[in-house]
Amino acid sequence: MRILGLDPGSRVCGYGVIDEVAGELRYVECGILTAPEHRTMEQRLGEIACGLREVIAELGPAVVAVEDVFVQHNPRSALALAQARGMALAVIGLAGLAVASYPPATVKKAVSGSGKAEKAQVARMVQALIGLKTLPRADATDALAVAITHGQLVRPTSARIVPAVLRARAT
């Protein structure tokens, strides 16, 4: 099963694609979709929507996992994030794909073991879990974490991910 993870934003939208094959999660691709900051909100969201449609058409995911909106300090930022998330959900819906949503704490716990993990710790675990040689940009890493979360939560417990580092040591 191919999983597209999204970290939506109104200026930068991270995406990460993994395949779940025989109980193992494998990296496919990740990146970011951007829109110029000087554009209006609707222009930025339109540009990111076009890019997301292309990613979906090119990579053919079976399901899309999206991070939920959260309010940390600034309600205005949360509103912009909600608008970006809504745009992404509309594009996904038009593509006829299923959506799974995960709160940030669930993503952190699924990837690092702690719902309060720091961003850097989650990034290092993403790198280890899917065997990346280098870390991609933070937005893409976050999207991969969301995809890994979905992959972890939909697989039977006996097939949970074993980091590449541990697999190498076991052989």
N, C-alpha and C. Protein backbone atom coordinates (compact mmCIF):
# COMPACT_ATOMS: atom_id res chain seq x y z
N MET A 1 0.84 -1.17 0.00
CA MET A 1 0.00 0.00 0.00
C MET A 1 0.89 1.24 0.00
N ARG A 2 0.59 2.17 -0.86
CA ARG A 2 1.34 3.42 -0.94
C ARG A 2 0.62 4.48 -0.10
N ILE A 3 1.39 5.13 0.79
CA ILE A 3 0.86 6.13 1.72
C ILE A 3 1.51 7.47 1.43
N LEU A 4 0.67 8.49 1.23
CA LEU A 4 1.13 9.86 1.09
C LEU A 4 0.88 10.58 2.40
N GLY A 5 1.92 11.08 3.02
CA GLY A 5 1.79 11.87 4.24
C GLY A 5 1.88 13.34 3.89
N LEU A 6 1.04 14.16 4.54
CA LEU A 6 1.05 15.59 4.27
C LEU A 6 1.20 16.39 5.55
N ASP A 7 2.02 17.43 5.47
CA ASP A 7 2.15 18.44 6.51
C ASP A 7 1.72 19.75 5.85
N PRO A 8 0.39 20.04 5.87
CA PRO A 8 -0.10 21.19 5.11
C PRO A 8 0.31 22.53 5.69
N GLY A 9 0.46 23.49 4.81
CA GLY A 9 0.76 24.86 5.21
C GLY A 9 0.33 25.80 4.10
N SER A 10 0.15 27.08 4.43
CA SER A 10 -0.32 28.03 3.44
C SER A 10 0.81 28.60 2.58
N ARG A 11 2.05 28.38 3.02
CA ARG A 11 3.22 28.80 2.21
C ARG A 11 4.07 27.61 1.79
N VAL A 12 4.14 26.61 2.66
CA VAL A 12 4.92 25.41 2.38
C VAL A 12 4.09 24.20 2.81
N CYS A 13 3.95 23.25 1.91
CA CYS A 13 3.25 22.00 2.22
C CYS A 13 4.25 20.87 2.02
N GLY A 14 4.55 20.16 3.09
CA GLY A 14 5.46 19.03 2.99
C GLY A 14 4.71 17.78 2.57
N TYR A 15 5.36 16.94 1.77
CA TYR A 15 4.77 15.65 1.42
C TYR A 15 5.83 14.57 1.54
N GLY A 16 5.39 13.39 1.90
CA GLY A 16 6.28 12.24 2.01
C GLY A 16 5.53 10.99 1.61
N VAL A 17 6.15 10.16 0.81
CA VAL A 17 5.51 8.95 0.31
C VAL A 17 6.32 7.73 0.73
N ILE A 18 5.62 6.77 1.30
CA ILE A 18 6.23 5.49 1.66
C ILE A 18 5.35 4.36 1.14
N ASP A 19 5.95 3.22 0.96
CA ASP A 19 5.21 2.01 0.60
C ASP A 19 5.26 1.06 1.78
N GLU A 20 4.13 0.42 2.05
CA GLU A 20 4.08 -0.65 3.05
C GLU A 20 4.05 -1.93 2.23
N VAL A 21 5.13 -2.72 2.36
CA VAL A 21 5.27 -3.95 1.60
C VAL A 21 5.65 -5.08 2.55
N ALA A 22 4.79 -6.07 2.63
CA ALA A 22 5.06 -7.25 3.47
C ALA A 22 5.47 -6.86 4.90
N GLY A 23 4.75 -5.91 5.48
CA GLY A 23 5.02 -5.52 6.86
C GLY A 23 6.19 -4.57 7.05
N GLU A 24 6.77 -4.10 5.96
CA GLU A 24 7.91 -3.19 6.05
C GLU A 24 7.57 -1.86 5.38
N LEU A 25 8.05 -0.77 5.97
CA LEU A 25 7.83 0.55 5.39
C LEU A 25 9.07 0.96 4.60
N ARG A 26 8.85 1.37 3.35
CA ARG A 26 9.95 1.74 2.47
C ARG A 26 9.77 3.16 1.93
N TYR A 27 10.82 3.92 1.97
CA TYR A 27 10.82 5.29 1.46
C TYR A 27 10.65 5.30 -0.05
N VAL A 28 9.81 6.21 -0.54
CA VAL A 28 9.63 6.39 -1.98
C VAL A 28 10.12 7.78 -2.40
N GLU A 29 9.54 8.83 -1.81
CA GLU A 29 9.89 10.19 -2.21
C GLU A 29 9.35 11.17 -1.17
N CYS A 30 9.98 12.33 -1.11
CA CYS A 30 9.45 13.41 -0.28
C CYS A 30 9.87 14.74 -0.88
N GLY A 31 9.21 15.79 -0.42
CA GLY A 31 9.54 17.11 -0.92
C GLY A 31 8.61 18.15 -0.34
N ILE A 32 8.66 19.33 -0.93
CA ILE A 32 7.81 20.41 -0.47
C ILE A 32 7.14 21.07 -1.67
N LEU A 33 5.96 21.58 -1.44
CA LEU A 33 5.24 22.39 -2.41
C LEU A 33 5.21 23.80 -1.82
N THR A 34 5.64 24.78 -2.59
CA THR A 34 5.72 26.14 -2.05
C THR A 34 4.95 27.12 -2.92
N ALA A 35 4.65 28.25 -2.29
CA ALA A 35 4.02 29.37 -2.99
C ALA A 35 4.67 30.65 -2.48
N PRO A 36 4.88 31.62 -3.36
CA PRO A 36 5.53 32.86 -2.95
C PRO A 36 4.76 33.58 -1.83
N GLU A 37 5.50 34.07 -0.86
CA GLU A 37 4.91 34.72 0.31
C GLU A 37 4.14 35.98 -0.05
N HIS A 38 4.54 36.68 -1.11
CA HIS A 38 3.90 37.94 -1.46
C HIS A 38 2.52 37.76 -2.10
N ARG A 39 2.16 36.56 -2.45
CA ARG A 39 0.85 36.31 -3.07
C ARG A 39 -0.25 36.30 -2.01
N THR A 40 -1.48 36.46 -2.46
CA THR A 40 -2.62 36.40 -1.53
C THR A 40 -2.82 34.95 -1.08
N MET A 41 -3.56 34.79 0.01
CA MET A 41 -3.81 33.45 0.55
C MET A 41 -4.43 32.54 -0.52
N GLU A 42 -5.44 33.03 -1.23
CA GLU A 42 -6.11 32.17 -2.21
C GLU A 42 -5.18 31.81 -3.37
N GLN A 43 -4.27 32.71 -3.74
CA GLN A 43 -3.30 32.39 -4.80
C GLN A 43 -2.31 31.34 -4.32
N ARG A 44 -1.83 31.49 -3.08
CA ARG A 44 -0.89 30.51 -2.52
C ARG A 44 -1.54 29.14 -2.42
N LEU A 45 -2.75 29.10 -1.88
CA LEU A 45 -3.43 27.81 -1.74
C LEU A 45 -3.72 27.19 -3.10
N GLY A 46 -4.06 28.01 -4.09
CA GLY A 46 -4.30 27.50 -5.44
C GLY A 46 -3.05 26.90 -6.04
N GLU A 47 -1.92 27.57 -5.84
CA GLU A 47 -0.66 27.06 -6.37
C GLU A 47 -0.25 25.75 -5.70
N ILE A 48 -0.40 25.69 -4.38
CA ILE A 48 -0.08 24.46 -3.66
C ILE A 48 -1.04 23.34 -4.07
N ALA A 49 -2.32 23.67 -4.26
CA ALA A 49 -3.31 22.67 -4.69
C ALA A 49 -2.92 22.06 -6.03
N CYS A 50 -2.48 22.89 -6.97
CA CYS A 50 -2.04 22.37 -8.27
C CYS A 50 -0.86 21.41 -8.11
N GLY A 51 0.09 21.79 -7.27
CA GLY A 51 1.24 20.92 -7.02
C GLY A 51 0.84 19.61 -6.37
N LEU A 52 -0.10 19.68 -5.44
CA LEU A 52 -0.56 18.47 -4.75
C LEU A 52 -1.28 17.54 -5.72
N ARG A 53 -2.07 18.10 -6.61
CA ARG A 53 -2.73 17.27 -7.63
C ARG A 53 -1.70 16.53 -8.46
N GLU A 54 -0.61 17.21 -8.82
CA GLU A 54 0.46 16.58 -9.62
C GLU A 54 1.13 15.46 -8.83
N VAL A 55 1.41 15.69 -7.55
CA VAL A 55 2.05 14.67 -6.70
C VAL A 55 1.15 13.43 -6.64
N ILE A 56 -0.13 13.64 -6.42
CA ILE A 56 -1.07 12.51 -6.33
C ILE A 56 -1.13 11.77 -7.67
N ALA A 57 -1.21 12.50 -8.77
CA ALA A 57 -1.28 11.86 -10.09
C ALA A 57 -0.01 11.08 -10.41
N GLU A 58 1.14 11.64 -10.05
CA GLU A 58 2.42 11.01 -10.38
C GLU A 58 2.73 9.80 -9.49
N LEU A 59 2.45 9.92 -8.19
CA LEU A 59 2.88 8.88 -7.25
C LEU A 59 1.79 7.86 -6.90
N GLY A 60 0.55 8.16 -7.21
CA GLY A 60 -0.54 7.20 -7.05
C GLY A 60 -0.71 6.59 -5.67
N PRO A 61 -0.87 7.40 -4.62
CA PRO A 61 -1.08 6.81 -3.30
C PRO A 61 -2.44 6.13 -3.19
N ALA A 62 -2.53 5.15 -2.29
CA ALA A 62 -3.80 4.48 -2.00
C ALA A 62 -4.55 5.21 -0.91
N VAL A 63 -3.81 5.91 -0.04
CA VAL A 63 -4.38 6.62 1.10
C VAL A 63 -3.51 7.83 1.40
N VAL A 64 -4.12 8.84 2.01
CA VAL A 64 -3.38 10.04 2.39
C VAL A 64 -3.54 10.24 3.89
N ALA A 65 -2.43 10.43 4.57
CA ALA A 65 -2.44 10.70 6.02
C ALA A 65 -2.07 12.17 6.20
N VAL A 66 -2.89 12.89 6.97
CA VAL A 66 -2.72 14.33 7.14
C VAL A 66 -2.66 14.65 8.62
N GLU A 67 -1.76 15.57 8.96
CA GLU A 67 -1.68 16.00 10.35
C GLU A 67 -2.86 16.91 10.67
N ASP A 68 -3.45 16.72 11.87
CA ASP A 68 -4.54 17.57 12.32
C ASP A 68 -4.06 18.98 12.62
N VAL A 69 -5.00 19.91 12.62
CA VAL A 69 -4.72 21.29 12.99
C VAL A 69 -4.59 21.36 14.51
N PHE A 70 -3.66 22.17 14.97
CA PHE A 70 -3.50 22.38 16.40
C PHE A 70 -3.31 23.87 16.66
N VAL A 71 -3.76 24.32 17.82
CA VAL A 71 -3.59 25.72 18.21
C VAL A 71 -2.56 25.74 19.31
N GLN A 72 -1.41 26.37 19.04
CA GLN A 72 -0.39 26.44 20.06
C GLN A 72 -0.45 27.79 20.76
N HIS A 73 -0.14 28.85 20.05
CA HIS A 73 -0.15 30.17 20.66
C HIS A 73 -0.98 31.17 19.87
N ASN A 74 -0.96 31.05 18.56
CA ASN A 74 -1.52 32.07 17.70
C ASN A 74 -2.75 31.55 16.95
N PRO A 75 -3.95 31.99 17.33
CA PRO A 75 -5.16 31.54 16.63
C PRO A 75 -5.16 31.89 15.14
N ARG A 76 -4.51 32.98 14.78
CA ARG A 76 -4.44 33.39 13.38
C ARG A 76 -3.64 32.37 12.55
N SER A 77 -2.55 31.89 13.13
CA SER A 77 -1.76 30.85 12.45
C SER A 77 -2.56 29.56 12.33
N ALA A 78 -3.31 29.23 13.36
CA ALA A 78 -4.15 28.02 13.33
C ALA A 78 -5.21 28.13 12.23
N LEU A 79 -5.75 29.32 12.04
CA LEU A 79 -6.75 29.53 10.99
C LEU A 79 -6.12 29.34 9.61
N ALA A 80 -4.94 29.90 9.39
CA ALA A 80 -4.25 29.74 8.11
C ALA A 80 -3.93 28.26 7.86
N LEU A 81 -3.51 27.56 8.91
CA LEU A 81 -3.23 26.13 8.79
C LEU A 81 -4.51 25.36 8.46
N ALA A 82 -5.61 25.73 9.10
CA ALA A 82 -6.89 25.06 8.83
C ALA A 82 -7.32 25.28 7.38
N GLN A 83 -7.09 26.49 6.85
CA GLN A 83 -7.42 26.75 5.46
C GLN A 83 -6.56 25.90 4.53
N ALA A 84 -5.29 25.77 4.83
CA ALA A 84 -4.39 24.95 4.02
C ALA A 84 -4.79 23.48 4.09
N ARG A 85 -5.16 23.04 5.27
CA ARG A 85 -5.59 21.66 5.45
C ARG A 85 -6.88 21.41 4.67
N GLY A 86 -7.80 22.37 4.71
CA GLY A 86 -9.05 22.24 3.96
C GLY A 86 -8.80 22.14 2.46
N MET A 87 -7.87 22.94 1.97
CA MET A 87 -7.50 22.88 0.55
C MET A 87 -6.96 21.49 0.21
N ALA A 88 -6.09 20.98 1.06
CA ALA A 88 -5.51 19.65 0.81
C ALA A 88 -6.60 18.58 0.83
N LEU A 89 -7.53 18.67 1.78
CA LEU A 89 -8.62 17.70 1.85
C LEU A 89 -9.50 17.76 0.60
N ALA A 90 -9.71 18.96 0.08
CA ALA A 90 -10.51 19.10 -1.14
C ALA A 90 -9.80 18.43 -2.33
N VAL A 91 -8.51 18.64 -2.46
CA VAL A 91 -7.75 18.02 -3.55
C VAL A 91 -7.79 16.49 -3.41
N ILE A 92 -7.61 16.02 -2.18
CA ILE A 92 -7.64 14.58 -1.92
C ILE A 92 -9.02 14.01 -2.25
N GLY A 93 -10.06 14.73 -1.82
CA GLY A 93 -11.43 14.29 -2.10
C GLY A 93 -11.71 14.22 -3.59
N LEU A 94 -11.26 15.22 -4.34
CA LEU A 94 -11.45 15.22 -5.79
C LEU A 94 -10.72 14.05 -6.45
N ALA A 95 -9.62 13.60 -5.84
CA ALA A 95 -8.87 12.46 -6.37
C ALA A 95 -9.51 11.12 -5.94
N GLY A 96 -10.53 11.19 -5.08
CA GLY A 96 -11.22 9.97 -4.66
C GLY A 96 -10.44 9.12 -3.68
N LEU A 97 -9.54 9.75 -2.92
CA LEU A 97 -8.70 9.00 -1.99
C LEU A 97 -9.24 9.06 -0.56
N ALA A 98 -8.95 8.03 0.20
CA ALA A 98 -9.29 8.00 1.63
C ALA A 98 -8.29 8.85 2.40
N VAL A 99 -8.76 9.44 3.50
CA VAL A 99 -7.92 10.29 4.34
C VAL A 99 -7.91 9.75 5.76
N ALA A 100 -6.73 9.76 6.37
CA ALA A 100 -6.57 9.45 7.79
C ALA A 100 -5.94 10.68 8.44
N SER A 101 -6.50 11.12 9.55
CA SER A 101 -5.99 12.31 10.23
C SER A 101 -5.39 11.92 11.56
N TYR A 102 -4.27 12.55 11.90
CA TYR A 102 -3.58 12.24 13.15
C TYR A 102 -3.17 13.51 13.87
N PRO A 103 -3.45 13.59 15.18
CA PRO A 103 -2.97 14.73 15.96
C PRO A 103 -1.44 14.69 16.07
N PRO A 104 -0.81 15.86 16.22
CA PRO A 104 0.66 15.90 16.31
C PRO A 104 1.23 14.97 17.39
N ALA A 105 0.58 14.88 18.55
CA ALA A 105 1.10 14.02 19.62
C ALA A 105 1.07 12.55 19.22
N THR A 106 0.07 12.15 18.46
CA THR A 106 0.00 10.76 17.98
C THR A 106 1.13 10.47 17.01
N VAL A 107 1.43 11.43 16.13
CA VAL A 107 2.52 11.28 15.18
C VAL A 107 3.84 11.13 15.93
N LYS A 108 4.08 12.02 16.89
CA LYS A 108 5.32 11.96 17.67
C LYS A 108 5.46 10.63 18.40
N LYS A 109 4.36 10.16 19.01
CA LYS A 109 4.41 8.91 19.76
C LYS A 109 4.64 7.71 18.84
N ALA A 110 3.98 7.69 17.68
CA ALA A 110 4.14 6.57 16.75
C ALA A 110 5.55 6.47 16.21
N VAL A 111 6.19 7.62 16.01
CA VAL A 111 7.52 7.63 15.40
C VAL A 111 8.63 7.52 16.43
N SER A 112 8.49 8.23 17.56
CA SER A 112 9.59 8.29 18.53
C SER A 112 9.32 7.57 19.84
N GLY A 113 8.05 7.24 20.09
CA GLY A 113 7.72 6.58 21.36
C GLY A 113 7.23 7.55 22.42
N SER A 114 7.31 8.86 22.14
CA SER A 114 6.86 9.86 23.10
C SER A 114 6.03 10.93 22.39
N GLY A 115 4.84 11.19 22.91
CA GLY A 115 3.98 12.20 22.34
C GLY A 115 4.48 13.62 22.57
N LYS A 116 5.52 13.75 23.37
CA LYS A 116 6.10 15.07 23.67
C LYS A 116 7.50 15.22 23.09
N ALA A 117 7.86 14.37 22.17
CA ALA A 117 9.21 14.40 21.57
C ALA A 117 9.45 15.72 20.86
N GLU A 118 10.69 16.15 20.88
CA GLU A 118 11.10 17.36 20.16
C GLU A 118 11.16 17.05 18.67
N LYS A 119 11.03 18.10 17.85
CA LYS A 119 11.08 17.95 16.39
C LYS A 119 12.34 17.24 15.92
N ALA A 120 13.48 17.58 16.51
CA ALA A 120 14.76 16.98 16.10
C ALA A 120 14.78 15.48 16.38
N GLN A 121 14.21 15.07 17.50
CA GLN A 121 14.16 13.65 17.84
C GLN A 121 13.27 12.90 16.85
N VAL A 122 12.13 13.47 16.52
CA VAL A 122 11.22 12.85 15.55
C VAL A 122 11.93 12.74 14.19
N ALA A 123 12.62 13.79 13.79
CA ALA A 123 13.34 13.78 12.50
C ALA A 123 14.40 12.67 12.47
N ARG A 124 15.16 12.52 13.55
CA ARG A 124 16.19 11.46 13.59
C ARG A 124 15.55 10.07 13.52
N MET A 125 14.40 9.91 14.16
CA MET A 125 13.71 8.61 14.11
C MET A 125 13.16 8.33 12.71
N VAL A 126 12.62 9.35 12.05
CA VAL A 126 12.16 9.19 10.67
C VAL A 126 13.33 8.71 9.82
N GLN A 127 14.47 9.35 9.99
CA GLN A 127 15.67 8.99 9.23
C GLN A 127 16.05 7.53 9.47
N ALA A 128 16.04 7.11 10.72
CA ALA A 128 16.41 5.74 11.06
C ALA A 128 15.36 4.73 10.60
N LEU A 129 14.09 5.05 10.79
CA LEU A 129 13.02 4.10 10.49
C LEU A 129 12.90 3.74 9.02
N ILE A 130 13.20 4.69 8.15
CA ILE A 130 13.08 4.38 6.72
C ILE A 130 14.41 4.45 5.99
N GLY A 131 15.49 4.53 6.76
CA GLY A 131 16.83 4.41 6.20
C GLY A 131 17.30 5.54 5.32
N LEU A 132 16.97 6.79 5.68
CA LEU A 132 17.44 7.94 4.89
C LEU A 132 18.89 8.24 5.23
N LYS A 133 19.69 8.53 4.22
CA LYS A 133 21.09 8.89 4.46
C LYS A 133 21.19 10.32 5.01
N THR A 134 20.35 11.21 4.51
CA THR A 134 20.33 12.59 5.00
C THR A 134 18.89 12.99 5.29
N LEU A 135 18.76 13.99 6.13
CA LEU A 135 17.42 14.48 6.46
C LEU A 135 16.94 15.47 5.42
N PRO A 136 15.70 15.30 4.95
CA PRO A 136 15.14 16.31 4.05
C PRO A 136 14.73 17.55 4.85
N ARG A 137 14.23 18.54 4.17
CA ARG A 137 13.73 19.75 4.83
C ARG A 137 12.67 19.36 5.87
N ALA A 138 12.55 20.16 6.93
CA ALA A 138 11.67 19.85 8.07
C ALA A 138 10.24 19.55 7.64
N ASP A 139 9.67 20.30 6.72
CA ASP A 139 8.28 20.07 6.31
C ASP A 139 8.12 18.70 5.65
N ALA A 140 9.09 18.29 4.87
CA ALA A 140 9.05 16.97 4.23
C ALA A 140 9.25 15.87 5.27
N THR A 141 10.14 16.10 6.23
CA THR A 141 10.36 15.13 7.30
C THR A 141 9.09 14.95 8.11
N ASP A 142 8.42 16.06 8.42
CA ASP A 142 7.15 15.98 9.17
C ASP A 142 6.11 15.18 8.38
N ALA A 143 6.05 15.39 7.08
CA ALA A 143 5.10 14.64 6.25
C ALA A 143 5.43 13.15 6.25
N LEU A 144 6.71 12.82 6.18
CA LEU A 144 7.11 11.41 6.27
C LEU A 144 6.70 10.81 7.61
N ALA A 145 6.83 11.60 8.69
CA ALA A 145 6.42 11.12 10.02
C ALA A 145 4.93 10.79 10.04
N VAL A 146 4.12 11.61 9.38
CA VAL A 146 2.67 11.36 9.32
C VAL A 146 2.40 10.08 8.53
N ALA A 147 3.10 9.90 7.42
CA ALA A 147 2.94 8.68 6.61
C ALA A 147 3.37 7.44 7.40
N ILE A 148 4.48 7.54 8.12
CA ILE A 148 4.96 6.42 8.95
C ILE A 148 3.94 6.11 10.03
N THR A 149 3.35 7.14 10.62
CA THR A 149 2.33 6.93 11.64
C THR A 149 1.19 6.09 11.09
N HIS A 150 0.71 6.45 9.93
CA HIS A 150 -0.38 5.68 9.33
C HIS A 150 0.08 4.24 9.05
N GLY A 151 1.27 4.12 8.50
CA GLY A 151 1.79 2.78 8.24
C GLY A 151 1.93 1.94 9.50
N GLN A 152 2.34 2.57 10.58
CA GLN A 152 2.49 1.87 11.86
C GLN A 152 1.13 1.45 12.42
N LEU A 153 0.15 2.33 12.33
CA LEU A 153 -1.13 2.09 12.98
C LEU A 153 -2.06 1.18 12.20
N VAL A 154 -1.82 0.99 10.91
CA VAL A 154 -2.69 0.11 10.13
C VAL A 154 -2.13 -1.31 9.99
N ARG A 155 -0.89 -1.52 10.41
CA ARG A 155 -0.28 -2.85 10.31
C ARG A 155 -0.50 -3.63 11.59
N PRO A 156 -0.53 -4.95 11.50
CA PRO A 156 -0.63 -5.75 12.71
C PRO A 156 0.59 -5.52 13.61
N THR A 157 0.42 -5.67 14.92
CA THR A 157 1.51 -5.40 15.85
C THR A 157 2.73 -6.28 15.59
N SER A 158 2.54 -7.45 15.08
CA SER A 158 3.68 -8.33 14.83
C SER A 158 4.55 -7.84 13.68
N ALA A 159 4.02 -6.91 12.88
CA ALA A 159 4.78 -6.42 11.72
C ALA A 159 5.26 -4.99 11.92
N ARG A 160 5.40 -4.54 13.16
CA ARG A 160 5.85 -3.17 13.41
C ARG A 160 7.23 -2.93 12.83
N ILE A 161 7.50 -1.69 12.55
CA ILE A 161 8.75 -1.31 11.88
C ILE A 161 9.97 -1.60 12.75
N VAL A 162 11.00 -2.08 12.13
CA VAL A 162 12.29 -2.26 12.79
C VAL A 162 13.26 -1.35 12.05
N PRO A 163 13.85 -0.38 12.75
CA PRO A 163 14.75 0.53 12.06
C PRO A 163 15.84 -0.21 11.29
N ALA A 164 16.24 0.37 10.16
CA ALA A 164 17.28 -0.22 9.31
C ALA A 164 18.55 -0.48 10.10
N VAL A 165 18.85 0.40 11.04
CA VAL A 165 20.06 0.25 11.87
C VAL A 165 19.98 -1.06 12.65
N LEU A 166 18.81 -1.35 13.23
CA LEU A 166 18.66 -2.58 14.01
C LEU A 166 18.67 -3.80 13.12
N ARG A 167 18.05 -3.71 11.92
CA ARG A 167 18.06 -4.84 10.99
C ARG A 167 19.48 -5.18 10.60
N ALA A 168 20.31 -4.16 10.38
CA ALA A 168 21.69 -4.38 9.97
C ALA A 168 22.48 -5.09 11.08
N ARG A 169 22.20 -4.72 12.32
CA ARG A 169 22.90 -5.34 13.46
C ARG A 169 22.49 -6.80 13.65
N ALA A 170 21.22 -7.09 13.31
CA ALA A 170 20.70 -8.45 13.54
C ALA A 170 21.26 -9.45 12.55
N THR A 171 21.76 -8.98 11.40
CA THR A 171 22.25 -9.94 10.40
C THR A 171 23.73 -10.16 10.50
